[in-house]
PDB file of N, CA and C in Angstrom:
ATOM      1  N   GLY A   1     107.620 109.141  98.646  1.00  0.00           N
ATOM      2  CA  GLY A   1     106.555 108.052  98.348  1.00  0.00           C
ATOM      3  C   GLY A   1     106.570 106.936  99.552  1.00  0.00           C
ATOM      4  N   GLY A   2     105.897 106.047  99.304  1.00  0.00           N
ATOM      5  CA  GLY A   2     105.699 105.029 100.605  1.00  0.00           C
ATOM      6  C   GLY A   2     106.993 104.609 101.223  1.00  0.00           C
ATOM      7  N   LEU A   3     108.120 104.145 100.461  1.00  0.00           N
ATOM      8  CA  LEU A   3     109.207 103.644 101.036  1.00  0.00           C
ATOM      9  C   LEU A   3     109.843 104.794 101.944  1.00  0.00           C
ATOM     10  N   ALA A   4     110.022 105.996 101.306  1.00  0.00           N
ATOM     11  CA  ALA A   4     110.801 107.102 101.796  1.00  0.00           C
ATOM     12  C   ALA A   4     109.997 107.442 103.206  1.00  0.00           C
ATOM     13  N   HIS A   5     108.858 107.636 103.288  1.00  0.00           N
ATOM     14  CA  HIS A   5     108.001 108.092 104.272  1.00  0.00           C
ATOM     15  C   HIS A   5     108.187 106.822 105.270  1.00  0.00           C
ATOM     16  N   THR A   6     107.868 105.607 105.051  1.00  0.00           N
ATOM     17  CA  THR A   6     108.077 104.495 105.911  1.00  0.00           C
ATOM     18  C   THR A   6     109.488 104.498 106.550  1.00  0.00           C
ATOM     19  N   PHE A   7     110.530 104.807 105.783  1.00  0.00           N
ATOM     20  CA  PHE A   7     111.808 104.565 106.380  1.00  0.00           C
ATOM     21  C   PHE A   7     112.463 105.909 107.244  1.00  0.00           C
ATOM     22  N   SER A   8     111.913 107.106 106.776  1.00  0.00           N
ATOM     23  CA  SER A   8     112.794 108.221 107.245  1.00  0.00           C
ATOM     24  C   SER A   8     112.059 109.482 107.518  1.00  0.00           C
ATOM     25  N   THR A   9     110.764 109.746 107.388  1.00  0.00           N
ATOM     26  CA  THR A   9     110.086 110.784 107.835  1.00  0.00           C
ATOM     27  C   THR A   9     109.139 110.440 108.753  1.00  0.00           C
ATOM     28  N   GLY A  10     108.603 111.346 109.857  1.00  0.00           N
ATOM     29  CA  GLY A  10     107.882 111.148 110.875  1.00  0.00           C
ATOM     30  C   GLY A  10     107.435 112.431 111.525  1.00  0.00           C
ATOM     31  N   HIS A  11     106.245 112.274 112.397  1.00  0.00           N
ATOM     32  CA  HIS A  11     105.842 113.601 113.266  1.00  0.00           C
ATOM     33  C   HIS A  11     106.232 113.348 114.667  1.00  0.00           C
ATOM     34  N   THR A  12     106.585 114.387 115.296  1.00  0.00           N
ATOM     35  CA  THR A  12     106.706 114.211 116.718  1.00  0.00           C
ATOM     36  C   THR A  12     105.726 115.256 117.343  1.00  0.00           C
ATOM     37  N   VAL A  13     105.311 114.813 118.590  1.00  0.00           N
ATOM     38  CA  VAL A  13     104.371 115.538 119.205  1.00  0.00           C
ATOM     39  C   VAL A  13     105.067 116.210 120.626  1.00  0.00           C
ATOM     40  N   LYS A  14     104.984 117.584 120.638  1.00  0.00           N
ATOM     41  CA  LYS A  14     105.379 118.311 121.865  1.00  0.00           C
ATOM     42  C   LYS A  14     104.660 119.083 122.329  1.00  0.00           C
ATOM     43  N   ALA A  15     104.373 118.898 123.786  1.00  0.00           N
ATOM     44  CA  ALA A  15     103.331 119.667 124.461  1.00  0.00           C
ATOM     45  C   ALA A  15     101.961 119.468 124.080  1.00  0.00           C
ATOM     46  N   GLY A  16     101.639 118.357 123.396  1.00  0.00           N
ATOM     47  CA  GLY A  16     100.357 117.983 122.996  1.00  0.00           C
ATOM     48  C   GLY A  16     100.085 118.531 121.615  1.00  0.00           C
ATOM     49  N   GLU A  17     100.984 119.058 120.858  1.00  0.00           N
ATOM     50  CA  GLU A  17     100.599 119.325 119.438  1.00  0.00           C
ATOM     51  C   GLU A  17     102.054 118.951 118.538  1.00  0.00           C
ATOM     52  N   LEU A  18     101.684 118.780 117.300  1.00  0.00           N
ATOM     53  CA  LEU A  18     102.720 118.517 116.368  1.00  0.00           C
ATOM     54  C   LEU A  18     103.614 119.603 116.360  1.00  0.00           C
ATOM     55  N   ALA A  19     105.073 119.141 116.263  1.00  0.00           N
ATOM     56  CA  ALA A  19     106.273 119.760 116.217  1.00  0.00           C
ATOM     57  C   ALA A  19     106.423 120.354 114.715  1.00  0.00           C
ATOM     58  N   GLN A  20     106.075 119.614 113.793  1.00  0.00           N
ATOM     59  CA  GLN A  20     106.481 119.827 112.528  1.00  0.00           C
ATOM     60  C   GLN A  20     105.147 120.361 111.874  1.00  0.00           C
ATOM     61  N   LYS A  21     105.382 122.000 111.808  1.00  0.00           N
ATOM     62  CA  LYS A  21     103.960 122.669 111.442  1.00  0.00           C
ATOM     63  C   LYS A  21     104.183 123.143 110.118  1.00  0.00           C
ATOM     64  N   ASN A  22     105.266 123.001 109.321  1.00  0.00           N
ATOM     65  CA  ASN A  22     105.528 123.496 107.932  1.00  0.00           C
ATOM     66  C   ASN A  22     106.559 122.685 107.302  1.00  0.00           C
ATOM     67  N   PHE A  23     106.713 123.145 106.105  1.00  0.00           N
ATOM     68  CA  PHE A  23     107.709 122.337 105.360  1.00  0.00           C
ATOM     69  C   PHE A  23     109.088 122.585 105.740  1.00  0.00           C
ATOM     70  N   ASP A  24     109.611 123.685 106.456  1.00  0.00           N
ATOM     71  CA  ASP A  24     110.980 123.772 106.887  1.00  0.00           C
ATOM     72  C   ASP A  24     111.171 122.840 108.276  1.00  0.00           C
ATOM     73  N   THR A  25     110.303 122.352 108.789  1.00  0.00           N
ATOM     74  CA  THR A  25     110.603 121.538 109.973  1.00  0.00           C
ATOM     75  C   THR A  25     110.128 120.138 109.624  1.00  0.00           C
ATOM     76  N   TYR A  26     109.258 119.822 108.685  1.00  0.00           N
ATOM     77  CA  TYR A  26     108.883 118.636 108.212  1.00  0.00           C
ATOM     78  C   TYR A  26     109.538 118.309 106.857  1.00  0.00           C
ATOM     79  N   LYS A  27     110.496 117.275 106.746  1.00  0.00           N
ATOM     80  CA  LYS A  27     111.318 117.083 105.669  1.00  0.00           C
ATOM     81  C   LYS A  27     110.621 115.937 104.888  1.00  0.00           C
ATOM     82  N   LEU A  28     110.253 116.414 103.713  1.00  0.00           N
ATOM     83  CA  LEU A  28     109.491 115.542 102.732  1.00  0.00           C
ATOM     84  C   LEU A  28     110.607 114.920 101.956  1.00  0.00           C
ATOM     85  N   PRO A  29     110.423 113.733 101.463  1.00  0.00           N
ATOM     86  CA  PRO A  29     111.213 112.804 100.637  1.00  0.00           C
ATOM     87  C   PRO A  29     111.540 113.730  99.292  1.00  0.00           C
ATOM     88  N   ARG A  30     112.836 113.612  98.967  1.00  0.00           N
ATOM     89  CA  ARG A  30     113.185 114.295  97.628  1.00  0.00           C
ATOM     90  C   ARG A  30     113.286 113.182  96.647  1.00  0.00           C
ATOM     91  N   ILE A  31     113.174 113.683  95.448  1.00  0.00           N
ATOM     92  CA  ILE A  31     112.720 112.720  94.156  1.00  0.00           C
ATOM     93  C   ILE A  31     113.825 111.499  94.099  1.00  0.00           C
ATOM     94  N   GLY A  32     114.937 111.874  94.690  1.00  0.00           N
ATOM     95  CA  GLY A  32     115.831 110.667  94.677  1.00  0.00           C
ATOM     96  C   GLY A  32     115.649 109.553  95.625  1.00  0.00           C
ATOM     97  N   GLN A  33     114.996 109.824  96.748  1.00  0.00           N
ATOM     98  CA  GLN A  33     114.443 108.995  97.826  1.00  0.00           C
ATOM     99  C   GLN A  33     113.133 108.021  97.537  1.00  0.00           C
ATOM    100  N   MET A  34     112.543 108.746  96.384  1.00  0.00           N
ATOM    101  CA  MET A  34     111.345 108.101  96.251  1.00  0.00           C
ATOM    102  C   MET A  34     111.325 106.876  95.525  1.00  0.00           C
ATOM    103  N   SER A  35     110.618 105.962  95.809  1.00  0.00           N
ATOM    104  CA  SER A  35     110.444 104.607  95.042  1.00  0.00           C
ATOM    105  C   SER A  35     109.743 104.448  93.808  1.00  0.00           C
ATOM    106  N   GLU A  36     110.169 103.747  93.021  1.00  0.00           N
ATOM    107  CA  GLU A  36     109.521 103.667  91.742  1.00  0.00           C
ATOM    108  C   GLU A  36     108.425 102.680  91.883  1.00  0.00           C
ATOM    109  N   TYR A  37     107.367 103.075  91.051  1.00  0.00           N
ATOM    110  CA  TYR A  37     106.171 102.121  91.069  1.00  0.00           C
ATOM    111  C   TYR A  37     105.195 102.448  90.108  1.00  0.00           C
ATOM    112  N   ASP A  38     104.500 101.355  89.551  1.00  0.00           N
ATOM    113  CA  ASP A  38     103.529 101.606  88.396  1.00  0.00           C
ATOM    114  C   ASP A  38     102.190 101.457  89.039  1.00  0.00           C
ATOM    115  N   ALA A  39     101.350 102.352  88.459  1.00  0.00           N
ATOM    116  CA  ALA A  39      99.911 102.458  88.960  1.00  0.00           C
ATOM    117  C   ALA A  39      99.078 102.406  87.527  1.00  0.00           C
ATOM    118  N   HIS A  40      98.147 101.632  87.568  1.00  0.00           N
ATOM    119  CA  HIS A  40      97.258 101.342  86.338  1.00  0.00           C
ATOM    120  C   HIS A  40      95.949 101.852  86.650  1.00  0.00           C
ATOM    121  N   ALA A  41      95.414 102.421  85.706  1.00  0.00           N
ATOM    122  CA  ALA A  41      93.897 103.077  85.880  1.00  0.00           C
ATOM    123  C   ALA A  41      93.046 101.948  85.107  1.00  0.00           C
ATOM    124  N   VAL A  42      91.954 101.432  86.029  1.00  0.00           N
ATOM    125  CA  VAL A  42      91.048 100.586  85.630  1.00  0.00           C
ATOM    126  C   VAL A  42      89.845 101.264  84.904  1.00  0.00           C
ATOM    127  N   PRO A  43      89.496 100.716  83.747  1.00  0.00           N
ATOM    128  CA  PRO A  43      88.255 101.536  83.301  1.00  0.00           C
ATOM    129  C   PRO A  43      87.100 101.273  84.245  1.00  0.00           C
ATOM    130  N   THR A  44      86.248 102.244  84.446  1.00  0.00           N
ATOM    131  CA  THR A  44      85.370 102.056  85.376  1.00  0.00           C
ATOM    132  C   THR A  44      83.975 103.110  84.986  1.00  0.00           C
ATOM    133  N   LYS A  45      82.979 103.057  85.315  1.00  0.00           N
ATOM    134  CA  LYS A  45      81.720 103.845  85.137  1.00  0.00           C
ATOM    135  C   LYS A  45      81.863 105.020  86.143  1.00  0.00           C
ATOM    136  N   ASN A  46      82.675 104.879  87.125  1.00  0.00           N
ATOM    137  CA  ASN A  46      82.599 105.795  88.474  1.00  0.00           C
ATOM    138  C   ASN A  46      83.491 106.894  88.008  1.00  0.00           C
ATOM    139  N   ASP A  47      83.117 108.021  88.960  1.00  0.00           N
ATOM    140  CA  ASP A  47      83.756 109.339  88.487  1.00  0.00           C
ATOM    141  C   ASP A  47      85.395 108.951  89.018  1.00  0.00           C
ATOM    142  N   PRO A  48      86.400 109.769  88.481  1.00  0.00           N
ATOM    143  CA  PRO A  48      87.812 109.584  88.807  1.00  0.00           C
ATOM    144  C   PRO A  48      88.110 109.889  90.166  1.00  0.00           C
ATOM    145  N   THR A  49      88.883 109.178  90.688  1.00  0.00           N
ATOM    146  CA  THR A  49      89.629 109.382  91.949  1.00  0.00           C
ATOM    147  C   THR A  49      91.001 109.427  91.961  1.00  0.00           C
ATOM    148  N   GLY A  50      91.854 109.426  92.973  1.00  0.00           N
ATOM    149  CA  GLY A  50      93.288 109.536  93.143  1.00  0.00           C
ATOM    150  C   GLY A  50      93.671 108.173  92.436  1.00  0.00           C
ATOM    151  N   ILE A  51      94.891 108.274  91.712  1.00  0.00           N
ATOM    152  CA  ILE A  51      95.526 107.171  90.840  1.00  0.00           C
ATOM    153  C   ILE A  51      96.723 106.509  91.715  1.00  0.00           C
ATOM    154  N   GLY A  52      97.408 107.414  92.337  1.00  0.00           N
ATOM    155  CA  GLY A  52      98.745 106.787  92.857  1.00  0.00           C
ATOM    156  C   GLY A  52      98.722 106.598  94.345  1.00  0.00           C
ATOM    157  N   GLU A  53      97.801 107.486  95.100  1.00  0.00           N
ATOM    158  CA  GLU A  53      98.018 107.222  96.511  1.00  0.00           C
ATOM    159  C   GLU A  53      97.601 106.048  97.098  1.00  0.00           C
ATOM    160  N   PRO A  54      96.624 105.208  96.553  1.00  0.00           N
ATOM    161  CA  PRO A  54      96.146 103.949  97.452  1.00  0.00           C
ATOM    162  C   PRO A  54      97.544 103.018  97.714  1.00  0.00           C
ATOM    163  N   VAL A  55      98.591 103.065  96.932  1.00  0.00           N
ATOM    164  CA  VAL A  55      99.661 102.179  97.049  1.00  0.00           C
ATOM    165  C   VAL A  55     100.402 102.602  98.430  1.00  0.00           C
ATOM    166  N   PHE A  56     100.463 103.877  98.783  1.00  0.00           N
ATOM    167  CA  PHE A  56     101.193 104.347  99.930  1.00  0.00           C
ATOM    168  C   PHE A  56     100.626 103.814 101.253  1.00  0.00           C
ATOM    169  N   HIS A  57      99.442 103.692 101.384  1.00  0.00           N
ATOM    170  CA  HIS A  57      98.743 103.335 102.747  1.00  0.00           C
ATOM    171  C   HIS A  57      99.031 101.843 103.017  1.00  0.00           C
ATOM    172  N   THR A  58      99.351 100.988 102.132  1.00  0.00           N
ATOM    173  CA  THR A  58      99.478  99.797 102.423  1.00  0.00           C
ATOM    174  C   THR A  58     101.172  99.133 102.470  1.00  0.00           C
ATOM    175  N   MET A  59     101.985 100.157 102.252  1.00  0.00           N
ATOM    176  CA  MET A  59     103.387  99.735 101.894  1.00  0.00           C
ATOM    177  C   MET A  59     104.175  99.675 103.510  1.00  0.00           C
ATOM    178  N   ALA A  60     103.749 100.555 104.254  1.00  0.00           N
ATOM    179  CA  ALA A  60     104.439 100.382 105.596  1.00  0.00           C
ATOM    180  C   ALA A  60     104.066  99.144 106.400  1.00  0.00           C
ATOM    181  N   PRO A  61     102.673  98.781 106.303  1.00  0.00           N
ATOM    182  CA  PRO A  61     102.370  97.458 107.109  1.00  0.00           C
ATOM    183  C   PRO A  61     103.103  96.242 106.425  1.00  0.00           C
ATOM    184  N   ALA A  62     103.029  96.558 105.064  1.00  0.00           N
ATOM    185  CA  ALA A  62     103.709  95.391 104.178  1.00  0.00           C
ATOM    186  C   ALA A  62     104.963  95.117 104.619  1.00  0.00           C
ATOM    187  N   ILE A  63     105.812  96.115 104.892  1.00  0.00           N
ATOM    188  CA  ILE A  63     107.263  96.134 105.023  1.00  0.00           C
ATOM    189  C   ILE A  63     107.428  95.567 106.337  1.00  0.00           C
ATOM    190  N   THR A  64     106.624  96.088 107.274  1.00  0.00           N
ATOM    191  CA  THR A  64     106.875  95.659 108.882  1.00  0.00           C
ATOM    192  C   THR A  64     106.296  94.329 108.996  1.00  0.00           C
ATOM    193  N   ASN A  65     105.333  93.823 108.287  1.00  0.00           N
ATOM    194  CA  ASN A  65     105.076  92.529 108.275  1.00  0.00           C
ATOM    195  C   ASN A  65     106.392  91.589 107.741  1.00  0.00           C
ATOM    196  N   ALA A  66     106.797  92.120 106.641  1.00  0.00           N
ATOM    197  CA  ALA A  66     107.876  91.116 106.362  1.00  0.00           C
ATOM    198  C   ALA A  66     109.158  91.204 107.151  1.00  0.00           C
ATOM    199  N   ILE A  67     109.334  92.308 107.830  1.00  0.00           N
ATOM    200  CA  ILE A  67     110.467  92.335 108.762  1.00  0.00           C
ATOM    201  C   ILE A  67     110.081  91.281 109.977  1.00  0.00           C
ATOM    202  N   PHE A  68     108.753  91.335 110.489  1.00  0.00           N
ATOM    203  CA  PHE A  68     108.497  90.294 111.348  1.00  0.00           C
ATOM    204  C   PHE A  68     108.582  89.027 110.915  1.00  0.00           C
ATOM    205  N   ALA A  69     108.277  88.719 109.782  1.00  0.00           N
ATOM    206  CA  ALA A  69     108.298  87.435 109.019  1.00  0.00           C
ATOM    207  C   ALA A  69     109.701  86.743 109.018  1.00  0.00           C
ATOM    208  N   ALA A  70     110.578  87.653 108.706  1.00  0.00           N
ATOM    209  CA  ALA A  70     111.953  87.322 108.432  1.00  0.00           C
ATOM    210  C   ALA A  70     112.843  87.317 109.557  1.00  0.00           C
ATOM    211  N   THR A  71     112.307  88.313 110.781  1.00  0.00           N
ATOM    212  CA  THR A  71     113.342  88.169 112.087  1.00  0.00           C
ATOM    213  C   THR A  71     112.589  87.884 113.321  1.00  0.00           C
ATOM    214  N   GLY A  72     111.300  87.854 113.443  1.00  0.00           N
ATOM    215  CA  GLY A  72     110.362  87.751 114.671  1.00  0.00           C
ATOM    216  C   GLY A  72     110.371  88.937 115.400  1.00  0.00           C
ATOM    217  N   LYS A  73     110.878  90.149 114.814  1.00  0.00           N
ATOM    218  CA  LYS A  73     110.735  91.520 115.653  1.00  0.00           C
ATOM    219  C   LYS A  73     109.542  92.121 115.047  1.00  0.00           C
ATOM    220  N   ARG A  74     108.595  92.418 115.929  1.00  0.00           N
ATOM    221  CA  ARG A  74     107.413  93.231 115.386  1.00  0.00           C
ATOM    222  C   ARG A  74     107.720  94.758 115.573  1.00  0.00           C
ATOM    223  N   ILE A  75     107.567  95.678 114.591  1.00  0.00           N
ATOM    224  CA  ILE A  75     108.080  97.077 114.609  1.00  0.00           C
ATOM    225  C   ILE A  75     106.641  97.649 114.678  1.00  0.00           C
ATOM    226  N   ARG A  76     106.277  98.541 115.506  1.00  0.00           N
ATOM    227  CA  ARG A  76     105.141  99.269 115.812  1.00  0.00           C
ATOM    228  C   ARG A  76     104.933 100.551 115.684  1.00  0.00           C
ATOM    229  N   SER A  77     106.098 101.415 115.184  1.00  0.00           N
ATOM    230  CA  SER A  77     106.320 102.611 115.102  1.00  0.00           C
ATOM    231  C   SER A  77     106.935 102.879 113.799  1.00  0.00           C
ATOM    232  N   LEU A  78     106.749 104.319 113.299  1.00  0.00           N
ATOM    233  CA  LEU A  78     107.481 104.752 112.132  1.00  0.00           C
ATOM    234  C   LEU A  78     108.047 105.960 112.601  1.00  0.00           C
ATOM    235  N   PRO A  79     109.096 106.526 111.878  1.00  0.00           N
ATOM    236  CA  PRO A  79     109.788 105.947 110.566  1.00  0.00           C
ATOM    237  C   PRO A  79     110.707 104.700 111.205  1.00  0.00           C
ATOM    238  N   LEU A  80     111.047 103.836 110.181  1.00  0.00           N
ATOM    239  CA  LEU A  80     111.882 102.759 110.545  1.00  0.00           C
ATOM    240  C   LEU A  80     113.391 103.041 110.756  1.00  0.00           C
ATOM    241  N   ASN A  81     113.822 104.173 110.317  1.00  0.00           N
ATOM    242  CA  ASN A  81     115.140 104.463 110.535  1.00  0.00           C
ATOM    243  C   ASN A  81     115.479 104.677 112.080  1.00  0.00           C
ATOM    244  N   LYS A  82     114.331 105.032 112.919  1.00  0.00           N
ATOM    245  CA  LYS A  82     114.576 105.041 114.315  1.00  0.00           C
ATOM    246  C   LYS A  82     114.528 103.599 114.849  1.00  0.00           C
ATOM    247  N   HIS A  83     114.537 102.740 114.024  1.00  0.00           N
ATOM    248  CA  HIS A  83     114.791 101.259 114.709  1.00  0.00           C
ATOM    249  C   HIS A  83     116.019 100.734 114.089  1.00  0.00           C
ATOM    250  N   GLY A  84     116.801 101.619 113.542  1.00  0.00           N
ATOM    251  CA  GLY A  84     118.019 101.295 112.864  1.00  0.00           C
ATOM    252  C   GLY A  84     118.061 100.528 111.470  1.00  0.00           C
ATOM    253  N   MET A  85     117.025 100.991 110.925  1.00  0.00           N
ATOM    254  CA  MET A  85     116.743 100.356 109.572  1.00  0.00           C
ATOM    255  C   MET A  85     116.752 101.363 108.454  1.00  0.00           C
ATOM    256  N   SER A  86     117.455 100.963 107.131  1.00  0.00           N
ATOM    257  CA  SER A  86     117.325 101.735 106.134  1.00  0.00           C
ATOM    258  C   SER A  86     117.139 101.100 104.757  1.00  0.00           C
ATOM    259  N   LEU A  87     116.990 101.755 103.751  1.00  0.00           N
ATOM    260  CA  LEU A  87     116.756 101.060 102.426  1.00  0.00           C
ATOM    261  C   LEU A  87     118.027 100.458 101.827  1.00  0.00           C
ATOM    262  N   ALA A  88     119.391 100.892 102.168  1.00  0.00           N
ATOM    263  CA  ALA A  88     120.456 100.396 101.851  1.00  0.00           C
ATOM    264  C   ALA A  88     120.814  98.958 102.527  1.00  0.00           C
TER     265      ALA A  88
END
């Protein structure tokens, strides 16, 4: 989920292309690393769309802005574990 991706996963580019080309080299978060969240469906006349994905896109910017507000240190790359940060 959003927290696991923000803190521990990332892509690397080597020779102009992604080094992680499949699931054996791109480590997806395991269920124990996933953050818990509540997603609520809002009644609408529109066709259905993704229900849980929208929260992931805003999580990393919210976390890095909170880090900046607390420490004055601006983080401009992910994952955060490369900056010595973890969830614990």
